[in-house]
Amino acid sequence: MPSQREITLTAAFLRDPRGSAQIKSTVAAIESLKHGSWNNSPSTLNMASGIDDFIKAFTNVRTTKDGTYQDFLKEGNLRYKRDEFFEAATAYTRCVVLSPLKDPGRAKALASRSAVLMNVGRFEDSILDADRALEHAYPQELRFRLHLRKAQCFKELGNLTRADEEMSKTRKLIEESKATTEEQKSEILAIAERTFAGGCDVKVRRVKVEYMNPPEISHGVSENLPCLSSAVDICKNEKYGRHWVATRDLQTGDVLLKEEPAVAGLKIEAKWTHCAHCFRPSFTLYPCQTCNKDLFCNTECKNAAKNYHTVICIPRKKYEDEFQRKFDLSENIFSSFTRIFDFLAFLGLENCANYDNQSLPQTRLMTEFLNLVHHSVPYEEHIRSLCFDIIQFCFDITDREKLLKLSEFCCLALLKHNANSFSVEECFRYSRTDEFDLKHVAYGSYHVASLANHSCDPNVVCVYYGKTMVCRAIKPVKKGHQLFLRYCNLFYNLPKETRLERLSQYKFDCDCDPCTLDWPIAKLMPKDPAFSLETQTLWDLVKRESETSGLAMNYEDIKAVKTFDLAKKLQDSYFEPILQSRLDRGYKLIETAIFYHWAVNTMTYSFYPLLTNGHTNGFHHV
């Protein structure tokens, strides 16, 4: 299963149109860094692929640099006419974010997104966007359409009282319209009545998603670290540094860690489709009205984010709107240094400015953060200098000593982020094909998880319940053995030389069995095991098997408990009574199926029946 590596800093062009010698010097130094000097963090059985239909539509719509909000409004309208509803919703979301707060373009985008959501059967979301459009400068002569749409949605939801109320408002607005003749009013009213009577013509399968709670930690919690199982001890020696060790025999599926991130943030490509606070996908994202940068799925998430968002609300706006434009930052440089705002927000501006002040008490999160290892990179002085320029430009801070301390901390934070952060994944189900996949949507700093070492054949994997990381044993582990995650690709997917090259940024020599014994990659392995498996295999459930990407299974099959039980039974054949060779694609399939069973069970999907009543709405769009 290939790894999607998060590039936190890479060679790029950063030009100062006004010829600042200091910035040019900084940029020249950063540009001299080789690609891969700053690479991604430890990730966990990642897959690089699309996600749900709406999320996948992101890649089909131009980036913000390619057009104005008017361009996105036009593109959304074009997509809507083609019945490309998810692409249209994405374009309208971008229009909402890019348009001024009271601009009619924002109201039109919200109204248009409301129409899209009704067409895909998301009636509650359609009502929400219609209300938002009514709160903005939506044209008075067209407001009856929004009340009609709300009436249709309330009717579909079974709330007939609210539906009648909205229809009364619709009739009143049509009758009071001064832009039409009496004959036109009668015609419009007749169309509205037919539209309401006919109901909604939902054109895609409606999906209900429920997010599951993470499982409880196995074998009780550690006395010192409540997020860690008592079956795991944090040890330290000269060879391995700090590492995890099993304090008892572990079985496949044991939950060893349940940890919240100390610092987390959405990846650039997910900000248009996921809430900035809960990281869940949403059709109705709406930006902070102060900075217009972070998007939230509802008022609850917006209010919950206030404690940390307030710290960086205006500064990050200045960074994205002014600093980036002034110095023409490349996408890689821009996204890399965006991370410093997350660190300042979550760890606290004053705490960061006093991170090395021994006379002041540190918060638990700051103490844990400072204890994480990091590795030096070339030109740290220049990276620190750019941090100084960004903070000075974006924050209202005049104290030079404080600016220096913050820039020192931000440079350190970037180095620690590079060595310790994880890519947060989410599982999505394609409604049209009934297949599933994983996608990186965010990054997070998980301090306890960061203490586990790497293996190209790990015995522990991670899945995510929203922001919560859950680590589970993927194979049986004996008491006293070290527990490993992975920092890059598994040995199945990449040859040893490539793996070692990617691991070089972490400054250690990997001595796992695949590296020391030169285990082959999957495509060079036999398909079947060297011994007899006297039971049904998983092959019957697999629609296609890729030597590099794992497997493609029907969602319901991989989700089923019977699939896990079968995979676990087959896995036991390799470990008991004596350890059998696992160097075949059959075992790879077993372990992959176990991991994906956990991944898809982080949420549940259920489908509403597809409504095809044959009626055509009289007012499709706005």
Foldseek 3Di string as FASTA:
>chain_A
DADDKDALAAADDWFFPVDDPLLVVLNVQSNPFHPLLQMGWAAFLADADAFALLLNLLVVDDDPVVDALVVLQVVLVVCVVVVSLSVSLLSLLSSLLRDAPQDQSNLQSLQFLLLSCLQQPNLVLSLVSLVSSVVHPHPLLCNLVSLLSNLLSCVVVVNNVSSVVSLVVSLVSLVPDPPDDPVVSVVVNVLSVQQSVLHHQHDAWDKDKFFDDDDDAPQAADPVDRQFHPQWDFDADDAQGTAIFGQAWAAFFHWGGKFFFLFKAWQPSQQSAAAGQLRHGASNWHADNQLSRGTHRDPVRVVVLCQLCVVCRQLVSCCVPPVCVSGVDDPSVSRSLVRLSRCCRSLHLVCQLCLPPPVDDGDPSSVLLVPADFDDDPPLVSQLVVQLVSCVRRPPDDPVSSSSSSSVSSSVNSRRNSHAKYFAKAKHAYRVPQWIRIDGTMIGGGRVVSSHAADLDFQWGWHDSRRIIIITGLRIDGGGDTGHGHTGHHQQADFLVVVQVSCVSNPHDHDHCCNVVVAHHAVPFAADFPDDDPDDACPVQFPDADSHRATIGRLVLLQDPVLLVRLSVSSVVCPPPHHGDCRHNRNSNSSSSNVVNVNSVSMDMDIDDRDRSPDDRSDSRD
